[in-house]
Amino acid sequence: MSLQTGARWWAFIDDRLDERMHAQYPEGRDAYHADWRAAHSLMQNHAHAVARGDDDQADRLIQQMREVAADWDGHPDHPDHAVA
């Protein structure tokens, strides 16, 4: 488990949330902020778990990020499908 894994998921989610907010603006602004804060918290907690060497917690947080990203599973940049 690495910081790069969490950063990759965070960047993907952040980009998709931004796209969704722009598509739904201005009505989607409040939902965007709430979803962004929740996803950002997952990323920060993942970084802290990696720093502590807590691979189990880091893995659980990546799984939670996967759940957040489930709506965009078909997106070509999805971390589970993107070619490195």
PDB file of N, CA and C in Angstrom:
ATOM      1  N   MET A   1       0.856  -1.173   0.000  1.00  0.00           N
ATOM      2  CA  MET A   1       0.000   0.000   0.000  1.00  0.00           C
ATOM      3  C   MET A   1       0.901   1.235   0.000  1.00  0.00           C
ATOM      4  N   SER A   2       0.548   2.202  -0.867  1.00  0.00           N
ATOM      5  CA  SER A   2       1.388   3.386  -0.973  1.00  0.00           C
ATOM      6  C   SER A   2       0.541   4.652  -1.006  1.00  0.00           C
ATOM      7  N   LEU A   3       1.206   5.760  -0.763  1.00  0.00           N
ATOM      8  CA  LEU A   3       0.534   7.050  -0.852  1.00  0.00           C
ATOM      9  C   LEU A   3       0.040   7.306  -2.275  1.00  0.00           C
ATOM     10  N   GLN A   4       0.775   6.797  -3.262  1.00  0.00           N
ATOM     11  CA  GLN A   4       0.392   7.004  -4.652  1.00  0.00           C
ATOM     12  C   GLN A   4      -0.954   6.349  -4.978  1.00  0.00           C
ATOM     13  N   THR A   5      -1.230   5.221  -4.337  1.00  0.00           N
ATOM     14  CA  THR A   5      -2.516   4.548  -4.563  1.00  0.00           C
ATOM     15  C   THR A   5      -3.658   5.460  -4.128  1.00  0.00           C
ATOM     16  N   GLY A   6      -3.554   5.985  -2.932  1.00  0.00           N
ATOM     17  CA  GLY A   6      -4.589   6.899  -2.437  1.00  0.00           C
ATOM     18  C   GLY A   6      -4.676   8.160  -3.264  1.00  0.00           C
ATOM     19  N   ALA A   7      -3.532   8.691  -3.677  1.00  0.00           N
ATOM     20  CA  ALA A   7      -3.520   9.913  -4.490  1.00  0.00           C
ATOM     21  C   ALA A   7      -4.179   9.684  -5.840  1.00  0.00           C
ATOM     22  N   ARG A   8      -3.956   8.510  -6.432  1.00  0.00           N
ATOM     23  CA  ARG A   8      -4.565   8.191  -7.724  1.00  0.00           C
ATOM     24  C   ARG A   8      -6.092   8.140  -7.594  1.00  0.00           C
ATOM     25  N   TRP A   9      -6.569   7.465  -6.551  1.00  0.00           N
ATOM     26  CA  TRP A   9      -8.018   7.405  -6.329  1.00  0.00           C
ATOM     27  C   TRP A   9      -8.575   8.793  -6.040  1.00  0.00           C
ATOM     28  N   TRP A  10      -7.888   9.556  -5.207  1.00  0.00           N
ATOM     29  CA  TRP A  10      -8.360  10.895  -4.861  1.00  0.00           C
ATOM     30  C   TRP A  10      -8.451  11.773  -6.112  1.00  0.00           C
ATOM     31  N   ALA A  11      -7.430  11.754  -6.956  1.00  0.00           N
ATOM     32  CA  ALA A  11      -7.439  12.592  -8.159  1.00  0.00           C
ATOM     33  C   ALA A  11      -8.608  12.216  -9.063  1.00  0.00           C
ATOM     34  N   PHE A  12      -8.861  10.921  -9.204  1.00  0.00           N
ATOM     35  CA  PHE A  12      -9.970  10.476 -10.042  1.00  0.00           C
ATOM     36  C   PHE A  12     -11.298  10.966  -9.474  1.00  0.00           C
ATOM     37  N   ILE A  13     -11.520  10.756  -8.188  1.00  0.00           N
ATOM     38  CA  ILE A  13     -12.771  11.160  -7.548  1.00  0.00           C
ATOM     39  C   ILE A  13     -12.931  12.678  -7.596  1.00  0.00           C
ATOM     40  N   ASP A  14     -11.877  13.400  -7.305  1.00  0.00           N
ATOM     41  CA  ASP A  14     -11.921  14.868  -7.319  1.00  0.00           C
ATOM     42  C   ASP A  14     -12.319  15.377  -8.708  1.00  0.00           C
ATOM     43  N   ASP A  15     -11.727  14.813  -9.740  1.00  0.00           N
ATOM     44  CA  ASP A  15     -12.070  15.220 -11.105  1.00  0.00           C
ATOM     45  C   ASP A  15     -13.520  14.921 -11.445  1.00  0.00           C
ATOM     46  N   ARG A  16     -14.012  13.739 -11.052  1.00  0.00           N
ATOM     47  CA  ARG A  16     -15.391  13.383 -11.363  1.00  0.00           C
ATOM     48  C   ARG A  16     -16.367  14.264 -10.580  1.00  0.00           C
ATOM     49  N   LEU A  17     -16.064  14.553  -9.318  1.00  0.00           N
ATOM     50  CA  LEU A  17     -16.934  15.431  -8.535  1.00  0.00           C
ATOM     51  C   LEU A  17     -16.975  16.824  -9.155  1.00  0.00           C
ATOM     52  N   ASP A  18     -15.835  17.293  -9.607  1.00  0.00           N
ATOM     53  CA  ASP A  18     -15.769  18.599 -10.246  1.00  0.00           C
ATOM     54  C   ASP A  18     -16.617  18.628 -11.520  1.00  0.00           C
ATOM     55  N   GLU A  19     -16.495  17.588 -12.332  1.00  0.00           N
ATOM     56  CA  GLU A  19     -17.308  17.497 -13.550  1.00  0.00           C
ATOM     57  C   GLU A  19     -18.799  17.493 -13.219  1.00  0.00           C
ATOM     58  N   ARG A  20     -19.161  16.712 -12.210  1.00  0.00           N
ATOM     59  CA  ARG A  20     -20.575  16.625 -11.830  1.00  0.00           C
ATOM     60  C   ARG A  20     -21.089  17.970 -11.323  1.00  0.00           C
ATOM     61  N   MET A  21     -20.271  18.658 -10.516  1.00  0.00           N
ATOM     62  CA  MET A  21     -20.689  19.956  -9.989  1.00  0.00           C
ATOM     63  C   MET A  21     -20.898  20.951 -11.124  1.00  0.00           C
ATOM     64  N   HIS A  22     -19.986  20.969 -12.092  1.00  0.00           N
ATOM     65  CA  HIS A  22     -20.129  21.891 -13.217  1.00  0.00           C
ATOM     66  C   HIS A  22     -21.364  21.559 -14.058  1.00  0.00           C
ATOM     67  N   ALA A  23     -21.666  20.303 -14.217  1.00  0.00           N
ATOM     68  CA  ALA A  23     -22.835  19.898 -14.987  1.00  0.00           C
ATOM     69  C   ALA A  23     -24.139  20.254 -14.271  1.00  0.00           C
ATOM     70  N   GLN A  24     -24.109  20.297 -12.953  1.00  0.00           N
ATOM     71  CA  GLN A  24     -25.317  20.545 -12.167  1.00  0.00           C
ATOM     72  C   GLN A  24     -25.344  21.942 -11.540  1.00  0.00           C
ATOM     73  N   TYR A  25     -24.387  22.778 -11.891  1.00  0.00           N
ATOM     74  CA  TYR A  25     -24.267  24.108 -11.285  1.00  0.00           C
ATOM     75  C   TYR A  25     -25.486  24.948 -11.592  1.00  0.00           C
ATOM     76  N   PRO A  26     -26.015  25.726 -10.686  1.00  0.00           N
ATOM     77  CA  PRO A  26     -25.569  25.943  -9.317  1.00  0.00           C
ATOM     78  C   PRO A  26     -26.199  24.978  -8.317  1.00  0.00           C
ATOM     79  N   GLU A  27     -27.207  24.205  -8.761  1.00  0.00           N
ATOM     80  CA  GLU A  27     -27.913  23.325  -7.827  1.00  0.00           C
ATOM     81  C   GLU A  27     -26.993  22.290  -7.193  1.00  0.00           C
ATOM     82  N   GLY A  28     -25.976  21.843  -7.898  1.00  0.00           N
ATOM     83  CA  GLY A  28     -25.113  20.784  -7.398  1.00  0.00           C
ATOM     84  C   GLY A  28     -23.991  21.229  -6.495  1.00  0.00           C
ATOM     85  N   ARG A  29     -23.924  22.519  -6.221  1.00  0.00           N
ATOM     86  CA  ARG A  29     -22.801  23.042  -5.440  1.00  0.00           C
ATOM     87  C   ARG A  29     -22.749  22.506  -4.015  1.00  0.00           C
ATOM     88  N   ASP A  30     -23.856  22.487  -3.330  1.00  0.00           N
ATOM     89  CA  ASP A  30     -23.857  22.014  -1.939  1.00  0.00           C
ATOM     90  C   ASP A  30     -23.519  20.531  -1.852  1.00  0.00           C
ATOM     91  N   ALA A  31     -24.085  19.735  -2.752  1.00  0.00           N
ATOM     92  CA  ALA A  31     -23.777  18.300  -2.767  1.00  0.00           C
ATOM     93  C   ALA A  31     -22.304  18.093  -3.079  1.00  0.00           C
ATOM     94  N   TYR A  32     -21.775  18.889  -4.000  1.00  0.00           N
ATOM     95  CA  TYR A  32     -20.349  18.798  -4.343  1.00  0.00           C
ATOM     96  C   TYR A  32     -19.484  19.015  -3.106  1.00  0.00           C
ATOM     97  N   HIS A  33     -19.772  20.058  -2.367  1.00  0.00           N
ATOM     98  CA  HIS A  33     -18.953  20.368  -1.183  1.00  0.00           C
ATOM     99  C   HIS A  33     -19.006  19.242  -0.155  1.00  0.00           C
ATOM    100  N   ALA A  34     -20.173  18.700   0.076  1.00  0.00           N
ATOM    101  CA  ALA A  34     -20.310  17.603   1.043  1.00  0.00           C
ATOM    102  C   ALA A  34     -19.569  16.360   0.558  1.00  0.00           C
ATOM    103  N   ASP A  35     -19.747  16.019  -0.712  1.00  0.00           N
ATOM    104  CA  ASP A  35     -19.089  14.835  -1.267  1.00  0.00           C
ATOM    105  C   ASP A  35     -17.579  15.032  -1.325  1.00  0.00           C
ATOM    106  N   TRP A  36     -17.143  16.246  -1.657  1.00  0.00           N
ATOM    107  CA  TRP A  36     -15.712  16.528  -1.727  1.00  0.00           C
ATOM    108  C   TRP A  36     -15.068  16.371  -0.351  1.00  0.00           C
ATOM    109  N   ARG A  37     -15.711  16.940   0.673  1.00  0.00           N
ATOM    110  CA  ARG A  37     -15.161  16.839   2.036  1.00  0.00           C
ATOM    111  C   ARG A  37     -15.071  15.378   2.477  1.00  0.00           C
ATOM    112  N   ALA A  38     -16.090  14.589   2.191  1.00  0.00           N
ATOM    113  CA  ALA A  38     -16.079  13.174   2.586  1.00  0.00           C
ATOM    114  C   ALA A  38     -14.966  12.419   1.868  1.00  0.00           C
ATOM    115  N   ALA A  39     -14.826  12.641   0.558  1.00  0.00           N
ATOM    116  CA  ALA A  39     -13.780  11.952  -0.203  1.00  0.00           C
ATOM    117  C   ALA A  39     -12.393  12.421   0.211  1.00  0.00           C
ATOM    118  N   HIS A  40     -12.254  13.704   0.466  1.00  0.00           N
ATOM    119  CA  HIS A  40     -10.960  14.242   0.896  1.00  0.00           C
ATOM    120  C   HIS A  40     -10.563  13.652   2.245  1.00  0.00           C
ATOM    121  N   SER A  41     -11.518  13.474   3.109  1.00  0.00           N
ATOM    122  CA  SER A  41     -11.259  12.855   4.410  1.00  0.00           C
ATOM    123  C   SER A  41     -10.751  11.429   4.239  1.00  0.00           C
ATOM    124  N   LEU A  42     -11.353  10.684   3.304  1.00  0.00           N
ATOM    125  CA  LEU A  42     -10.878   9.319   3.033  1.00  0.00           C
ATOM    126  C   LEU A  42      -9.419   9.340   2.588  1.00  0.00           C
ATOM    127  N   MET A  43      -9.097  10.276   1.699  1.00  0.00           N
ATOM    128  CA  MET A  43      -7.725  10.376   1.200  1.00  0.00           C
ATOM    129  C   MET A  43      -6.760  10.722   2.326  1.00  0.00           C
ATOM    130  N   GLN A  44      -7.122  11.681   3.162  1.00  0.00           N
ATOM    131  CA  GLN A  44      -6.254  12.062   4.275  1.00  0.00           C
ATOM    132  C   GLN A  44      -6.080  10.904   5.257  1.00  0.00           C
ATOM    133  N   ASN A  45      -7.155  10.230   5.570  1.00  0.00           N
ATOM    134  CA  ASN A  45      -7.066   9.098   6.495  1.00  0.00           C
ATOM    135  C   ASN A  45      -6.219   7.971   5.907  1.00  0.00           C
ATOM    136  N   HIS A  46      -6.307   7.784   4.591  1.00  0.00           N
ATOM    137  CA  HIS A  46      -5.473   6.789   3.933  1.00  0.00           C
ATOM    138  C   HIS A  46      -4.001   7.157   4.085  1.00  0.00           C
ATOM    139  N   ALA A  47      -3.669   8.410   3.848  1.00  0.00           N
ATOM    140  CA  ALA A  47      -2.281   8.866   3.984  1.00  0.00           C
ATOM    141  C   ALA A  47      -1.773   8.655   5.401  1.00  0.00           C
ATOM    142  N   HIS A  48      -2.614   8.942   6.382  1.00  0.00           N
ATOM    143  CA  HIS A  48      -2.211   8.733   7.777  1.00  0.00           C
ATOM    144  C   HIS A  48      -2.007   7.246   8.073  1.00  0.00           C
ATOM    145  N   ALA A  49      -2.885   6.401   7.552  1.00  0.00           N
ATOM    146  CA  ALA A  49      -2.748   4.955   7.770  1.00  0.00           C
ATOM    147  C   ALA A  49      -1.457   4.439   7.136  1.00  0.00           C
ATOM    148  N   VAL A  50      -1.147   4.895   5.931  1.00  0.00           N
ATOM    149  CA  VAL A  50       0.100   4.487   5.271  1.00  0.00           C
ATOM    150  C   VAL A  50       1.292   4.942   6.099  1.00  0.00           C
ATOM    151  N   ALA A  51       1.248   6.168   6.584  1.00  0.00           N
ATOM    152  CA  ALA A  51       2.355   6.707   7.382  1.00  0.00           C
ATOM    153  C   ALA A  51       2.559   5.906   8.671  1.00  0.00           C
ATOM    154  N   ARG A  52       1.475   5.406   9.230  1.00  0.00           N
ATOM    155  CA  ARG A  52       1.560   4.592  10.454  1.00  0.00           C
ATOM    156  C   ARG A  52       1.954   3.155  10.154  1.00  0.00           C
ATOM    157  N   GLY A  53       1.913   2.779   8.879  1.00  0.00           N
ATOM    158  CA  GLY A  53       2.189   1.395   8.519  1.00  0.00           C
ATOM    159  C   GLY A  53       1.001   0.483   8.742  1.00  0.00           C
ATOM    160  N   ASP A  54      -0.187   1.048   8.842  1.00  0.00           N
ATOM    161  CA  ASP A  54      -1.411   0.283   9.072  1.00  0.00           C
ATOM    162  C   ASP A  54      -2.022  -0.100   7.717  1.00  0.00           C
ATOM    163  N   ASP A  55      -1.482  -1.157   7.116  1.00  0.00           N
ATOM    164  CA  ASP A  55      -1.920  -1.568   5.781  1.00  0.00           C
ATOM    165  C   ASP A  55      -3.374  -2.012   5.751  1.00  0.00           C
ATOM    166  N   ASP A  56      -3.860  -2.625   6.821  1.00  0.00           N
ATOM    167  CA  ASP A  56      -5.262  -3.057   6.849  1.00  0.00           C
ATOM    168  C   ASP A  56      -6.200  -1.858   6.763  1.00  0.00           C
ATOM    169  N   GLN A  57      -5.928  -0.835   7.553  1.00  0.00           N
ATOM    170  CA  GLN A  57      -6.761   0.374   7.527  1.00  0.00           C
ATOM    171  C   GLN A  57      -6.622   1.087   6.175  1.00  0.00           C
ATOM    172  N   ALA A  58      -5.421   1.164   5.657  1.00  0.00           N
ATOM    173  CA  ALA A  58      -5.206   1.803   4.356  1.00  0.00           C
ATOM    174  C   ALA A  58      -6.005   1.077   3.280  1.00  0.00           C
ATOM    175  N   ASP A  59      -6.003  -0.244   3.320  1.00  0.00           N
ATOM    176  CA  ASP A  59      -6.763  -1.021   2.345  1.00  0.00           C
ATOM    177  C   ASP A  59      -8.261  -0.781   2.500  1.00  0.00           C
ATOM    178  N   ARG A  60      -8.753  -0.724   3.726  1.00  0.00           N
ATOM    179  CA  ARG A  60     -10.179  -0.445   3.950  1.00  0.00           C
ATOM    180  C   ARG A  60     -10.561   0.924   3.373  1.00  0.00           C
ATOM    181  N   LEU A  61      -9.679   1.893   3.527  1.00  0.00           N
ATOM    182  CA  LEU A  61      -9.964   3.233   3.011  1.00  0.00           C
ATOM    183  C   LEU A  61      -9.953   3.258   1.485  1.00  0.00           C
ATOM    184  N   ILE A  62      -9.055   2.496   0.865  1.00  0.00           N
ATOM    185  CA  ILE A  62      -9.074   2.382  -0.599  1.00  0.00           C
ATOM    186  C   ILE A  62     -10.389   1.746  -1.041  1.00  0.00           C
ATOM    187  N   GLN A  63     -10.849   0.734  -0.321  1.00  0.00           N
ATOM    188  CA  GLN A  63     -12.131   0.111  -0.657  1.00  0.00           C
ATOM    189  C   GLN A  63     -13.265   1.127  -0.565  1.00  0.00           C
ATOM    190  N   GLN A  64     -13.225   1.996   0.429  1.00  0.00           N
ATOM    191  CA  GLN A  64     -14.245   3.034   0.560  1.00  0.00           C
ATOM    192  C   GLN A  64     -14.161   4.021  -0.599  1.00  0.00           C
ATOM    193  N   MET A  65     -12.942   4.342  -1.035  1.00  0.00           N
ATOM    194  CA  MET A  65     -12.793   5.220  -2.202  1.00  0.00           C
ATOM    195  C   MET A  65     -13.348   4.538  -3.450  1.00  0.00           C
ATOM    196  N   ARG A  66     -13.140   3.237  -3.562  1.00  0.00           N
ATOM    197  CA  ARG A  66     -13.713   2.483  -4.693  1.00  0.00           C
ATOM    198  C   ARG A  66     -15.240   2.590  -4.681  1.00  0.00           C
ATOM    199  N   GLU A  67     -15.829   2.517  -3.508  1.00  0.00           N
ATOM    200  CA  GLU A  67     -17.285   2.639  -3.391  1.00  0.00           C
ATOM    201  C   GLU A  67     -17.746   4.024  -3.832  1.00  0.00           C
ATOM    202  N   VAL A  68     -17.013   5.055  -3.443  1.00  0.00           N
ATOM    203  CA  VAL A  68     -17.346   6.414  -3.864  1.00  0.00           C
ATOM    204  C   VAL A  68     -17.276   6.514  -5.388  1.00  0.00           C
ATOM    205  N   ALA A  69     -16.285   5.873  -5.976  1.00  0.00           N
ATOM    206  CA  ALA A  69     -16.050   5.952  -7.422  1.00  0.00           C
ATOM    207  C   ALA A  69     -16.912   4.988  -8.228  1.00  0.00           C
ATOM    208  N   ALA A  70     -17.732   4.192  -7.581  1.00  0.00           N
ATOM    209  CA  ALA A  70     -18.515   3.164  -8.285  1.00  0.00           C
ATOM    210  C   ALA A  70     -19.413   3.749  -9.377  1.00  0.00           C
ATOM    211  N   ASP A  71     -19.918   4.951  -9.184  1.00  0.00           N
ATOM    212  CA  ASP A  71     -20.791   5.570 -10.194  1.00  0.00           C
ATOM    213  C   ASP A  71     -20.056   5.830 -11.506  1.00  0.00           C
ATOM    214  N   TRP A  72     -18.746   5.873 -11.465  1.00  0.00           N
ATOM    215  CA  TRP A  72     -17.940   6.196 -12.644  1.00  0.00           C
ATOM    216  C   TRP A  72     -17.117   4.989 -13.095  1.00  0.00           C
ATOM    217  N   ASP A  73     -17.598   3.806 -12.818  1.00  0.00           N
ATOM    218  CA  ASP A  73     -16.855   2.589 -13.139  1.00  0.00           C
ATOM    219  C   ASP A  73     -16.499   2.484 -14.614  1.00  0.00           C
ATOM    220  N   GLY A  74     -17.340   2.985 -15.477  1.00  0.00           N
ATOM    221  CA  GLY A  74     -17.092   2.895 -16.907  1.00  0.00           C
ATOM    222  C   GLY A  74     -16.191   3.991 -17.457  1.00  0.00           C
ATOM    223  N   HIS A  75     -15.772   4.903 -16.635  1.00  0.00           N
ATOM    224  CA  HIS A  75     -14.935   6.019 -17.095  1.00  0.00           C
ATOM    225  C   HIS A  75     -13.544   5.491 -17.475  1.00  0.00           C
ATOM    226  N   PRO A  76     -12.991   5.962 -18.582  1.00  0.00           N
ATOM    227  CA  PRO A  76     -11.678   5.444 -19.033  1.00  0.00           C
ATOM    228  C   PRO A  76     -10.528   5.736 -18.070  1.00  0.00           C
ATOM    229  N   ASP A  77     -10.666   6.721 -17.212  1.00  0.00           N
ATOM    230  CA  ASP A  77      -9.601   7.042 -16.259  1.00  0.00           C
ATOM    231  C   ASP A  77      -9.766   6.344 -14.915  1.00  0.00           C
ATOM    232  N   HIS A  78     -10.804   5.523 -14.781  1.00  0.00           N
ATOM    233  CA  HIS A  78     -11.059   4.846 -13.506  1.00  0.00           C
ATOM    234  C   HIS A  78      -9.798   4.091 -13.091  1.00  0.00           C
ATOM    235  N   PRO A  79      -9.327   4.269 -11.866  1.00  0.00           N
ATOM    236  CA  PRO A  79      -8.068   3.641 -11.442  1.00  0.00           C
ATOM    237  C   PRO A  79      -8.014   2.125 -11.572  1.00  0.00           C
ATOM    238  N   ASP A  80      -9.144   1.454 -11.507  1.00  0.00           N
ATOM    239  CA  ASP A  80      -9.134   0.007 -11.664  1.00  0.00           C
ATOM    240  C   ASP A  80      -8.987  -0.423 -13.128  1.00  0.00           C
ATOM    241  N   HIS A  81      -9.233   0.502 -14.059  1.00  0.00           N
ATOM    242  CA  HIS A  81      -9.224   0.153 -15.474  1.00  0.00           C
ATOM    243  C   HIS A  81      -8.182   0.899 -16.294  1.00  0.00           C
ATOM    244  N   ALA A  82      -7.700   2.002 -15.770  1.00  0.00           N
ATOM    245  CA  ALA A  82      -6.758   2.831 -16.521  1.00  0.00           C
ATOM    246  C   ALA A  82      -5.435   2.095 -16.711  1.00  0.00           C
ATOM    247  N   VAL A  83      -4.870   2.270 -17.868  1.00  0.00           N
ATOM    248  CA  VAL A  83      -3.558   1.676 -18.160  1.00  0.00           C
ATOM    249  C   VAL A  83      -2.498   2.581 -17.580  1.00  0.00           C
ATOM    250  N   ALA A  84      -1.615   1.985 -16.805  1.00  0.00           N
ATOM    251  CA  ALA A  84      -0.571   2.777 -16.148  1.00  0.00           C
ATOM    252  C   ALA A  84       0.487   3.217 -17.136  1.00  0.00           C
TER     253      ALA A  84
END
